[in-house]
Amino acid sequence: MLNFLRNPWGRPRVLVLVTALYIAWSILPVAVAILFAFNSGRSRTTWQGFSFRWFTGDPYGSVLHDPDLQSALKHTVLLAIISVLVATPLGVTLALGLQRWRGPGSGTVNIMMLLPLVTPEIVMGVSLLLLFLNVFAVIGLGTTAQAIGQITFTISYVVVIVRGRLVSIGKEYEEAASDLGAPPRDILFRVLLPLLAPAILASAAIVFALSIDDFVITQYLSGDASTTTVSMLLYSSARGAPTPALNALATVALVITLGTLTLTFLMYRRFAGGSGDSGASAMAAMEV
């Protein structure tokens, strides 16, 4: 009985089984949706043979030939790229500032920075909608508003990840570089940022994935049909009688996301694998 209380799961193979079942249950719906993207017929529930019809073959309804599907995919990727290019450097800057700030008000600002993580997305979407309609009416709804909305809620993820990395590396490398006579600019660009590279890459990948996946904020801040994203198109068409082209579109978006995450992971391993020596390399550069 005592052994059971210490380890109620029993042998490690039980944990492996539970993990495998959870992964299988998570992947199964996605696998079914991807499977019917290759259906040769128009049904999304009855298998009628394998085909690339809804990717490239159909001259009117495939992803390659349907302008609505192409527009949604291009707009989704555009918003994701803008979010990464803006939210990542802003988040890194905020993380550095918040980590160093110890004066009055620092605690309040740190809590406010985490609000987008705990605020229901629909609340944030409605708030941003009212903001752009009443306060920033000159911007209005559309691509700019959608990009600002996505950047607003993804910055917090960058801040949390980068601050975690800052805590793990400590201040030793910065202090050593300062003792060697390095100016603050060199400490930042030649010591600190190389050490933060794994966290910055991970943050950029998360921002990209969140942007691709976002629906609520993007939907509220959309303007016309040209600002429709993949998630919006899937939602608006799901209750009708759509063809497997929507499955194909979702599959293409998933491949883009997984490809980006895989590339980021490989780059992350490269930077993280040498992170133990990067500090020494930076110190050697400071001495030179």
C-alpha atoms as a PDB file:
ATOM      1  CA  MET A   1       0.000   0.000   0.000  1.00  0.00           C
ATOM      2  CA  LEU A   2       2.845   2.341   0.877  1.00  0.00           C
ATOM      3  CA  ASN A   3       4.521   1.686  -2.460  1.00  0.00           C
ATOM      4  CA  PHE A   4       1.233   2.388  -4.255  1.00  0.00           C
ATOM      5  CA  LEU A   5       0.915   5.763  -2.518  1.00  0.00           C
ATOM      6  CA  ARG A   6       4.467   6.648  -3.469  1.00  0.00           C
ATOM      7  CA  ASN A   7       3.929   5.670  -7.095  1.00  0.00           C
ATOM      8  CA  PRO A   8       0.223   5.208  -7.926  1.00  0.00           C
ATOM      9  CA  TRP A   9       0.998   4.863 -11.630  1.00  0.00           C
ATOM     10  CA  GLY A  10       2.961   1.694 -11.093  1.00  0.00           C
ATOM     11  CA  ARG A  11       5.741   0.920 -13.519  1.00  0.00           C
ATOM     12  CA  PRO A  12       6.871   3.491 -16.101  1.00  0.00           C
ATOM     13  CA  ARG A  13       5.144   1.591 -18.909  1.00  0.00           C
ATOM     14  CA  VAL A  14       1.769   2.784 -17.579  1.00  0.00           C
ATOM     15  CA  LEU A  15       2.867   6.403 -18.010  1.00  0.00           C
ATOM     16  CA  VAL A  16       4.042   5.612 -21.515  1.00  0.00           C
ATOM     17  CA  LEU A  17       0.670   4.033 -22.327  1.00  0.00           C
ATOM     18  CA  VAL A  18      -1.284   7.026 -20.993  1.00  0.00           C
ATOM     19  CA  THR A  19       0.933   9.424 -22.955  1.00  0.00           C
ATOM     20  CA  ALA A  20       0.562   7.390 -26.153  1.00  0.00           C
ATOM     21  CA  LEU A  21      -3.232   7.289 -25.808  1.00  0.00           C
ATOM     22  CA  TYR A  22      -3.394  11.038 -25.255  1.00  0.00           C
ATOM     23  CA  ILE A  23      -1.213  11.761 -28.299  1.00  0.00           C
ATOM     24  CA  ALA A  24      -3.271   9.371 -30.444  1.00  0.00           C
ATOM     25  CA  TRP A  25      -6.538  10.987 -29.314  1.00  0.00           C
ATOM     26  CA  SER A  26      -5.138  14.451 -30.084  1.00  0.00           C
ATOM     27  CA  ILE A  27      -3.867  13.506 -33.527  1.00  0.00           C
ATOM     28  CA  LEU A  28      -6.858  11.420 -34.674  1.00  0.00           C
ATOM     29  CA  PRO A  29      -9.250  14.309 -35.571  1.00  0.00           C
ATOM     30  CA  VAL A  30      -6.494  16.150 -37.419  1.00  0.00           C
ATOM     31  CA  ALA A  31      -5.514  12.977 -39.272  1.00  0.00           C
ATOM     32  CA  VAL A  32      -9.111  12.390 -40.387  1.00  0.00           C
ATOM     33  CA  ALA A  33      -9.411  15.984 -41.637  1.00  0.00           C
ATOM     34  CA  ILE A  34      -6.138  15.659 -43.554  1.00  0.00           C
ATOM     35  CA  LEU A  35      -7.206  12.301 -45.007  1.00  0.00           C
ATOM     36  CA  PHE A  36     -10.355  13.756 -46.582  1.00  0.00           C
ATOM     37  CA  ALA A  37      -8.303  16.559 -48.099  1.00  0.00           C
ATOM     38  CA  PHE A  38      -7.116  13.852 -50.510  1.00  0.00           C
ATOM     39  CA  ASN A  39     -10.615  12.556 -51.276  1.00  0.00           C
ATOM     40  CA  SER A  40     -11.301  12.397 -54.995  1.00  0.00           C
ATOM     41  CA  GLY A  41     -15.024  13.112 -54.567  1.00  0.00           C
ATOM     42  CA  ARG A  42     -16.873  16.101 -53.158  1.00  0.00           C
ATOM     43  CA  SER A  43     -17.818  14.408 -49.893  1.00  0.00           C
ATOM     44  CA  ARG A  44     -16.063  15.218 -46.615  1.00  0.00           C
ATOM     45  CA  THR A  45     -17.475  12.143 -44.875  1.00  0.00           C
ATOM     46  CA  THR A  46     -17.431   9.343 -47.477  1.00  0.00           C
ATOM     47  CA  TRP A  47     -14.111   8.155 -48.864  1.00  0.00           C
ATOM     48  CA  GLN A  48     -14.183   8.014 -52.681  1.00  0.00           C
ATOM     49  CA  GLY A  49     -10.572   7.430 -53.575  1.00  0.00           C
ATOM     50  CA  PHE A  50      -7.191   9.127 -53.263  1.00  0.00           C
ATOM     51  CA  SER A  51      -6.544  12.263 -55.312  1.00  0.00           C
ATOM     52  CA  PHE A  52      -4.817  15.652 -55.283  1.00  0.00           C
ATOM     53  CA  ARG A  53      -7.931  17.160 -56.843  1.00  0.00           C
ATOM     54  CA  TRP A  54      -8.580  19.683 -54.080  1.00  0.00           C
ATOM     55  CA  PHE A  55      -4.957  20.815 -53.916  1.00  0.00           C
ATOM     56  CA  THR A  56      -4.158  21.296 -57.607  1.00  0.00           C
ATOM     57  CA  GLY A  57      -6.372  19.145 -59.834  1.00  0.00           C
ATOM     58  CA  ASP A  58      -9.763  20.841 -59.813  1.00  0.00           C
ATOM     59  CA  PRO A  59      -9.711  23.813 -62.242  1.00  0.00           C
ATOM     60  CA  TYR A  60     -12.191  25.820 -60.164  1.00  0.00           C
ATOM     61  CA  GLY A  61     -12.392  24.589 -56.566  1.00  0.00           C
ATOM     62  CA  SER A  62      -8.833  23.565 -55.676  1.00  0.00           C
ATOM     63  CA  VAL A  63      -6.516  25.586 -53.478  1.00  0.00           C
ATOM     64  CA  LEU A  64      -4.316  26.315 -56.478  1.00  0.00           C
ATOM     65  CA  HIS A  65      -7.162  27.726 -58.579  1.00  0.00           C
ATOM     66  CA  ASP A  66      -9.753  29.150 -56.165  1.00  0.00           C
ATOM     67  CA  PRO A  67      -8.960  32.862 -55.593  1.00  0.00           C
ATOM     68  CA  ASP A  68     -10.870  32.961 -52.295  1.00  0.00           C
ATOM     69  CA  LEU A  69      -8.819  30.115 -50.828  1.00  0.00           C
ATOM     70  CA  GLN A  70      -5.582  31.641 -52.074  1.00  0.00           C
ATOM     71  CA  SER A  71      -6.484  35.054 -50.665  1.00  0.00           C
ATOM     72  CA  ALA A  72      -7.285  33.607 -47.242  1.00  0.00           C
ATOM     73  CA  LEU A  73      -4.013  31.670 -47.143  1.00  0.00           C
ATOM     74  CA  LYS A  74      -1.914  34.640 -48.272  1.00  0.00           C
ATOM     75  CA  HIS A  75      -3.562  36.962 -45.763  1.00  0.00           C
ATOM     76  CA  THR A  76      -3.046  34.468 -42.943  1.00  0.00           C
ATOM     77  CA  VAL A  77       0.658  34.114 -43.706  1.00  0.00           C
ATOM     78  CA  LEU A  78       1.005  37.895 -44.095  1.00  0.00           C
ATOM     79  CA  LEU A  79      -0.453  38.533 -40.633  1.00  0.00           C
ATOM     80  CA  ALA A  80       1.787  35.835 -39.150  1.00  0.00           C
ATOM     81  CA  ILE A  81       4.924  37.365 -40.683  1.00  0.00           C
ATOM     82  CA  ILE A  82       3.994  40.857 -39.504  1.00  0.00           C
ATOM     83  CA  SER A  83       3.296  39.558 -35.998  1.00  0.00           C
ATOM     84  CA  VAL A  84       6.664  37.800 -35.818  1.00  0.00           C
ATOM     85  CA  LEU A  85       8.606  40.785 -37.167  1.00  0.00           C
ATOM     86  CA  VAL A  86       6.977  43.216 -34.721  1.00  0.00           C
ATOM     87  CA  ALA A  87       6.027  41.219 -31.626  1.00  0.00           C
ATOM     88  CA  THR A  88       9.356  39.398 -31.251  1.00  0.00           C
ATOM     89  CA  PRO A  89      11.710  42.423 -31.036  1.00  0.00           C
ATOM     90  CA  LEU A  90       9.179  44.363 -28.953  1.00  0.00           C
ATOM     91  CA  GLY A  91       8.769  41.422 -26.595  1.00  0.00           C
ATOM     92  CA  VAL A  92      12.534  40.990 -26.242  1.00  0.00           C
ATOM     93  CA  THR A  93      12.929  44.700 -25.471  1.00  0.00           C
ATOM     94  CA  LEU A  94      10.128  44.603 -22.899  1.00  0.00           C
ATOM     95  CA  ALA A  95      11.573  41.470 -21.304  1.00  0.00           C
ATOM     96  CA  LEU A  96      14.965  43.131 -20.898  1.00  0.00           C
ATOM     97  CA  GLY A  97      13.413  46.266 -19.451  1.00  0.00           C
ATOM     98  CA  LEU A  98      11.056  44.490 -17.061  1.00  0.00           C
ATOM     99  CA  GLN A  99      13.781  42.138 -15.861  1.00  0.00           C
ATOM    100  CA  ARG A 100      16.015  45.087 -14.963  1.00  0.00           C
ATOM    101  CA  TRP A 101      13.294  47.338 -13.518  1.00  0.00           C
ATOM    102  CA  ARG A 102      13.208  47.312  -9.745  1.00  0.00           C
ATOM    103  CA  GLY A 103      11.728  50.747  -9.043  1.00  0.00           C
ATOM    104  CA  PRO A 104       8.223  51.783  -7.947  1.00  0.00           C
ATOM    105  CA  GLY A 105       5.492  50.454 -10.179  1.00  0.00           C
ATOM    106  CA  SER A 106       7.526  47.546 -11.538  1.00  0.00           C
ATOM    107  CA  GLY A 107       5.283  44.966  -9.895  1.00  0.00           C
ATOM    108  CA  THR A 108       2.129  46.502 -11.346  1.00  0.00           C
ATOM    109  CA  VAL A 109       3.604  46.680 -14.835  1.00  0.00           C
ATOM    110  CA  ASN A 110       4.743  43.068 -14.621  1.00  0.00           C
ATOM    111  CA  ILE A 111       1.229  41.955 -13.719  1.00  0.00           C
ATOM    112  CA  MET A 112      -0.315  44.036 -16.503  1.00  0.00           C
ATOM    113  CA  MET A 113       2.084  42.468 -18.993  1.00  0.00           C
ATOM    114  CA  LEU A 114       0.573  39.064 -18.177  1.00  0.00           C
ATOM    115  CA  LEU A 115      -3.044  40.190 -18.607  1.00  0.00           C
ATOM    116  CA  PRO A 116      -3.281  39.127 -22.280  1.00  0.00           C
ATOM    117  CA  LEU A 117      -2.376  35.590 -21.187  1.00  0.00           C
ATOM    118  CA  VAL A 118      -5.307  35.312 -18.760  1.00  0.00           C
ATOM    119  CA  THR A 119      -7.881  37.563 -20.429  1.00  0.00           C
ATOM    120  CA  PRO A 120     -10.507  35.600 -22.412  1.00  0.00           C
ATOM    121  CA  GLU A 121      -9.793  36.103 -26.084  1.00  0.00           C
ATOM    122  CA  ILE A 122     -13.360  37.137 -26.856  1.00  0.00           C
ATOM    123  CA  VAL A 123     -13.110  39.909 -24.235  1.00  0.00           C
ATOM    124  CA  MET A 124      -9.909  41.174 -25.827  1.00  0.00           C
ATOM    125  CA  GLY A 125     -11.453  40.954 -29.288  1.00  0.00           C
ATOM    126  CA  VAL A 126     -14.488  43.018 -28.310  1.00  0.00           C
ATOM    127  CA  SER A 127     -12.285  45.545 -26.474  1.00  0.00           C
ATOM    128  CA  LEU A 128     -10.022  46.003 -29.480  1.00  0.00           C
ATOM    129  CA  LEU A 129     -13.051  46.312 -31.765  1.00  0.00           C
ATOM    130  CA  LEU A 130     -14.458  49.153 -29.661  1.00  0.00           C
ATOM    131  CA  LEU A 131     -11.026  50.752 -29.483  1.00  0.00           C
ATOM    132  CA  PHE A 132     -10.567  50.851 -33.248  1.00  0.00           C
ATOM    133  CA  LEU A 133     -14.139  51.993 -33.862  1.00  0.00           C
ATOM    134  CA  ASN A 134     -14.246  54.780 -31.274  1.00  0.00           C
ATOM    135  CA  VAL A 135     -10.704  55.867 -30.385  1.00  0.00           C
ATOM    136  CA  PHE A 136      -8.564  54.951 -33.393  1.00  0.00           C
ATOM    137  CA  ALA A 137     -11.234  55.335 -36.055  1.00  0.00           C
ATOM    138  CA  VAL A 138      -8.594  56.705 -38.415  1.00  0.00           C
ATOM    139  CA  ILE A 139      -7.084  53.211 -38.536  1.00  0.00           C
ATOM    140  CA  GLY A 140     -10.400  51.429 -38.767  1.00  0.00           C
ATOM    141  CA  LEU A 141     -10.864  47.719 -39.263  1.00  0.00           C
ATOM    142  CA  GLY A 142      -8.788  45.644 -41.621  1.00  0.00           C
ATOM    143  CA  THR A 143      -5.265  44.308 -41.989  1.00  0.00           C
ATOM    144  CA  THR A 144      -3.614  46.961 -39.819  1.00  0.00           C
ATOM    145  CA  ALA A 145      -6.100  46.453 -36.993  1.00  0.00           C
ATOM    146  CA  GLN A 146      -5.766  42.665 -37.240  1.00  0.00           C
ATOM    147  CA  ALA A 147      -1.972  42.870 -37.092  1.00  0.00           C
ATOM    148  CA  ILE A 148      -2.056  45.205 -34.080  1.00  0.00           C
ATOM    149  CA  GLY A 149      -4.540  42.921 -32.337  1.00  0.00           C
ATOM    150  CA  GLN A 150      -2.410  39.819 -32.872  1.00  0.00           C
ATOM    151  CA  ILE A 151       0.739  41.633 -31.799  1.00  0.00           C
ATOM    152  CA  THR A 152      -1.004  42.839 -28.645  1.00  0.00           C
ATOM    153  CA  PHE A 153      -1.746  39.373 -27.305  1.00  0.00           C
ATOM    154  CA  THR A 154       1.378  37.594 -28.587  1.00  0.00           C
ATOM    155  CA  ILE A 155       3.903  39.991 -27.029  1.00  0.00           C
ATOM    156  CA  SER A 156       3.202  38.526 -23.589  1.00  0.00           C
ATOM    157  CA  TYR A 157       4.342  35.080 -24.745  1.00  0.00           C
ATOM    158  CA  VAL A 158       7.628  36.529 -25.970  1.00  0.00           C
ATOM    159  CA  VAL A 159       8.159  38.375 -22.689  1.00  0.00           C
ATOM    160  CA  VAL A 160       7.550  35.267 -20.566  1.00  0.00           C
ATOM    161  CA  ILE A 161       9.859  33.049 -22.632  1.00  0.00           C
ATOM    162  CA  VAL A 162      12.717  35.567 -22.884  1.00  0.00           C
ATOM    163  CA  ARG A 163      12.505  36.486 -19.198  1.00  0.00           C
ATOM    164  CA  GLY A 164      12.755  32.816 -18.315  1.00  0.00           C
ATOM    165  CA  ARG A 165      15.949  32.614 -20.347  1.00  0.00           C
ATOM    166  CA  LEU A 166      17.281  35.765 -18.698  1.00  0.00           C
ATOM    167  CA  VAL A 167      16.728  34.255 -15.265  1.00  0.00           C
ATOM    168  CA  SER A 168      18.484  31.024 -16.249  1.00  0.00           C
ATOM    169  CA  ILE A 169      21.643  32.672 -17.624  1.00  0.00           C
ATOM    170  CA  GLY A 170      21.908  35.202 -14.770  1.00  0.00           C
ATOM    171  CA  LYS A 171      23.994  38.353 -14.799  1.00  0.00           C
ATOM    172  CA  GLU A 172      27.437  36.771 -14.680  1.00  0.00           C
ATOM    173  CA  TYR A 173      28.230  37.134 -18.377  1.00  0.00           C
ATOM    174  CA  GLU A 174      27.128  40.753 -18.471  1.00  0.00           C
ATOM    175  CA  GLU A 175      29.162  41.581 -15.384  1.00  0.00           C
ATOM    176  CA  ALA A 176      32.213  39.789 -16.782  1.00  0.00           C
ATOM    177  CA  ALA A 177      31.926  41.688 -20.076  1.00  0.00           C
ATOM    178  CA  SER A 178      31.575  44.951 -18.168  1.00  0.00           C
ATOM    179  CA  ASP A 179      34.693  44.140 -16.129  1.00  0.00           C
ATOM    180  CA  LEU A 180      36.560  43.599 -19.392  1.00  0.00           C
ATOM    181  CA  GLY A 181      35.650  47.136 -20.436  1.00  0.00           C
ATOM    182  CA  ALA A 182      32.861  46.389 -22.912  1.00  0.00           C
ATOM    183  CA  PRO A 183      30.414  49.281 -23.425  1.00  0.00           C
ATOM    184  CA  PRO A 184      26.686  48.604 -22.879  1.00  0.00           C
ATOM    185  CA  ARG A 185      26.052  48.345 -26.626  1.00  0.00           C
ATOM    186  CA  ASP A 186      28.598  45.556 -27.042  1.00  0.00           C
ATOM    187  CA  ILE A 187      27.298  43.774 -23.953  1.00  0.00           C
ATOM    188  CA  LEU A 188      23.824  43.748 -25.474  1.00  0.00           C
ATOM    189  CA  PHE A 189      24.663  42.750 -29.043  1.00  0.00           C
ATOM    190  CA  ARG A 190      27.754  40.587 -28.529  1.00  0.00           C
ATOM    191  CA  VAL A 191      26.960  38.873 -25.232  1.00  0.00           C
ATOM    192  CA  LEU A 192      23.339  39.052 -24.168  1.00  0.00           C
ATOM    193  CA  LEU A 193      21.493  38.614 -27.477  1.00  0.00           C
ATOM    194  CA  PRO A 194      23.565  35.571 -28.568  1.00  0.00           C
ATOM    195  CA  LEU A 195      22.759  33.949 -25.234  1.00  0.00           C
ATOM    196  CA  LEU A 196      19.072  34.793 -25.724  1.00  0.00           C
ATOM    197  CA  ALA A 197      18.991  33.433 -29.287  1.00  0.00           C
ATOM    198  CA  PRO A 198      17.295  30.099 -28.388  1.00  0.00           C
ATOM    199  CA  ALA A 199      14.546  31.899 -26.463  1.00  0.00           C
ATOM    200  CA  ILE A 200      14.090  34.457 -29.246  1.00  0.00           C
ATOM    201  CA  LEU A 201      13.719  31.694 -31.844  1.00  0.00           C
ATOM    202  CA  ALA A 202      11.247  29.818 -29.669  1.00  0.00           C
ATOM    203  CA  SER A 203       9.270  33.023 -29.130  1.00  0.00           C
ATOM    204  CA  ALA A 204       9.134  33.759 -32.853  1.00  0.00           C
ATOM    205  CA  ALA A 205       7.879  30.236 -33.572  1.00  0.00           C
ATOM    206  CA  ILE A 206       5.145  30.522 -30.945  1.00  0.00           C
ATOM    207  CA  VAL A 207       4.059  33.926 -32.253  1.00  0.00           C
ATOM    208  CA  PHE A 208       3.857  32.511 -35.783  1.00  0.00           C
ATOM    209  CA  ALA A 209       1.804  29.514 -34.653  1.00  0.00           C
ATOM    210  CA  LEU A 210      -0.544  31.660 -32.548  1.00  0.00           C
ATOM    211  CA  SER A 211      -1.094  34.061 -35.423  1.00  0.00           C
ATOM    212  CA  ILE A 212      -1.847  31.273 -37.911  1.00  0.00           C
ATOM    213  CA  ASP A 213      -4.303  29.727 -35.454  1.00  0.00           C
ATOM    214  CA  ASP A 214      -6.030  32.897 -34.217  1.00  0.00           C
ATOM    215  CA  PHE A 215      -9.701  33.329 -35.001  1.00  0.00           C
ATOM    216  CA  VAL A 216     -11.535  35.482 -32.429  1.00  0.00           C
ATOM    217  CA  ILE A 217      -9.425  38.654 -32.526  1.00  0.00           C
ATOM    218  CA  THR A 218      -8.835  38.389 -36.261  1.00  0.00           C
ATOM    219  CA  GLN A 219     -12.563  37.921 -36.878  1.00  0.00           C
ATOM    220  CA  TYR A 220     -13.578  40.935 -34.782  1.00  0.00           C
ATOM    221  CA  LEU A 221     -11.035  43.214 -36.443  1.00  0.00           C
ATOM    222  CA  SER A 222     -11.600  42.097 -40.023  1.00  0.00           C
ATOM    223  CA  GLY A 223     -12.776  44.646 -42.546  1.00  0.00           C
ATOM    224  CA  ASP A 224     -13.892  43.161 -45.851  1.00  0.00           C
ATOM    225  CA  ALA A 225     -13.490  39.885 -47.721  1.00  0.00           C
ATOM    226  CA  SER A 226      -9.832  40.650 -48.453  1.00  0.00           C
ATOM    227  CA  THR A 227      -9.022  40.374 -44.733  1.00  0.00           C
ATOM    228  CA  THR A 228     -10.451  36.868 -44.366  1.00  0.00           C
ATOM    229  CA  THR A 229      -8.010  34.336 -42.903  1.00  0.00           C
ATOM    230  CA  VAL A 230      -7.974  30.545 -43.138  1.00  0.00           C
ATOM    231  CA  SER A 231      -9.597  30.079 -39.730  1.00  0.00           C
ATOM    232  CA  MET A 232     -12.321  32.601 -40.588  1.00  0.00           C
ATOM    233  CA  LEU A 233     -13.023  30.912 -43.913  1.00  0.00           C
ATOM    234  CA  LEU A 234     -13.193  27.472 -42.303  1.00  0.00           C
ATOM    235  CA  TYR A 235     -15.630  28.712 -39.676  1.00  0.00           C
ATOM    236  CA  SER A 236     -17.905  30.554 -42.085  1.00  0.00           C
ATOM    237  CA  SER A 237     -18.074  27.608 -44.489  1.00  0.00           C
ATOM    238  CA  ALA A 238     -18.288  24.733 -42.016  1.00  0.00           C
ATOM    239  CA  ARG A 239     -22.091  24.731 -41.711  1.00  0.00           C
ATOM    240  CA  GLY A 240     -22.726  24.796 -45.421  1.00  0.00           C
ATOM    241  CA  ALA A 241     -21.869  22.071 -47.887  1.00  0.00           C
ATOM    242  CA  PRO A 242     -18.172  22.725 -48.467  1.00  0.00           C
ATOM    243  CA  THR A 243     -15.961  20.562 -50.596  1.00  0.00           C
ATOM    244  CA  PRO A 244     -12.770  18.896 -49.325  1.00  0.00           C
ATOM    245  CA  ALA A 245     -10.965  21.982 -50.638  1.00  0.00           C
ATOM    246  CA  LEU A 246     -11.367  23.432 -47.144  1.00  0.00           C
ATOM    247  CA  ASN A 247      -9.612  20.382 -45.741  1.00  0.00           C
ATOM    248  CA  ALA A 248      -6.890  20.903 -48.311  1.00  0.00           C
ATOM    249  CA  LEU A 249      -6.572  24.554 -47.328  1.00  0.00           C
ATOM    250  CA  ALA A 250      -6.330  23.638 -43.645  1.00  0.00           C
ATOM    251  CA  THR A 251      -3.731  21.002 -44.527  1.00  0.00           C
ATOM    252  CA  VAL A 252      -1.604  23.554 -46.390  1.00  0.00           C
ATOM    253  CA  ALA A 253      -1.803  25.932 -43.417  1.00  0.00           C
ATOM    254  CA  LEU A 254      -0.846  23.081 -41.073  1.00  0.00           C
ATOM    255  CA  VAL A 255       2.130  22.145 -43.260  1.00  0.00           C
ATOM    256  CA  ILE A 256       3.319  25.761 -43.257  1.00  0.00           C
ATOM    257  CA  THR A 257       3.066  25.902 -39.473  1.00  0.00           C
ATOM    258  CA  LEU A 258       4.793  22.556 -38.925  1.00  0.00           C
ATOM    259  CA  GLY A 259       7.501  23.431 -41.419  1.00  0.00           C
ATOM    260  CA  THR A 260       8.171  26.715 -39.653  1.00  0.00           C
ATOM    261  CA  LEU A 261       8.240  25.030 -36.249  1.00  0.00           C
ATOM    262  CA  THR A 262      10.578  22.304 -37.535  1.00  0.00           C
ATOM    263  CA  LEU A 263      12.979  24.847 -39.031  1.00  0.00           C
ATOM    264  CA  THR A 264      12.881  26.865 -35.818  1.00  0.00           C
ATOM    265  CA  PHE A 265      13.532  23.733 -33.760  1.00  0.00           C
ATOM    266  CA  LEU A 266      16.580  22.850 -35.849  1.00  0.00           C
ATOM    267  CA  MET A 267      17.922  26.377 -35.453  1.00  0.00           C
ATOM    268  CA  TYR A 268      17.095  26.240 -31.756  1.00  0.00           C
ATOM    269  CA  ARG A 269      19.103  23.027 -31.332  1.00  0.00           C
ATOM    270  CA  ARG A 270      22.025  24.620 -33.111  1.00  0.00           C
ATOM    271  CA  PHE A 271      22.021  27.674 -30.856  1.00  0.00           C
ATOM    272  CA  ALA A 272      21.104  25.824 -27.673  1.00  0.00           C
ATOM    273  CA  GLY A 273      23.661  23.100 -28.344  1.00  0.00           C
ATOM    274  CA  GLY A 274      26.439  25.664 -28.327  1.00  0.00           C
ATOM    275  CA  SER A 275      24.993  27.853 -25.608  1.00  0.00           C
ATOM    276  CA  GLY A 276      27.366  26.436 -23.065  1.00  0.00           C
ATOM    277  CA  ASP A 277      30.305  27.705 -25.069  1.00  0.00           C
ATOM    278  CA  SER A 278      28.702  30.900 -26.341  1.00  0.00           C
ATOM    279  CA  GLY A 279      29.372  32.744 -23.114  1.00  0.00           C
ATOM    280  CA  ALA A 280      33.060  31.844 -23.201  1.00  0.00           C
ATOM    281  CA  SER A 281      33.233  32.826 -26.864  1.00  0.00           C
ATOM    282  CA  ALA A 282      31.673  36.182 -26.079  1.00  0.00           C
ATOM    283  CA  MET A 283      34.157  36.780 -23.277  1.00  0.00           C
ATOM    284  CA  ALA A 284      37.017  35.939 -25.606  1.00  0.00           C
ATOM    285  CA  ALA A 285      35.656  38.430 -28.120  1.00  0.00           C
ATOM    286  CA  MET A 286      35.469  41.093 -25.441  1.00  0.00           C
ATOM    287  CA  GLU A 287      39.099  40.496 -24.539  1.00  0.00           C
ATOM    288  CA  VAL A 288      40.137  40.854 -28.169  1.00  0.00           C
END
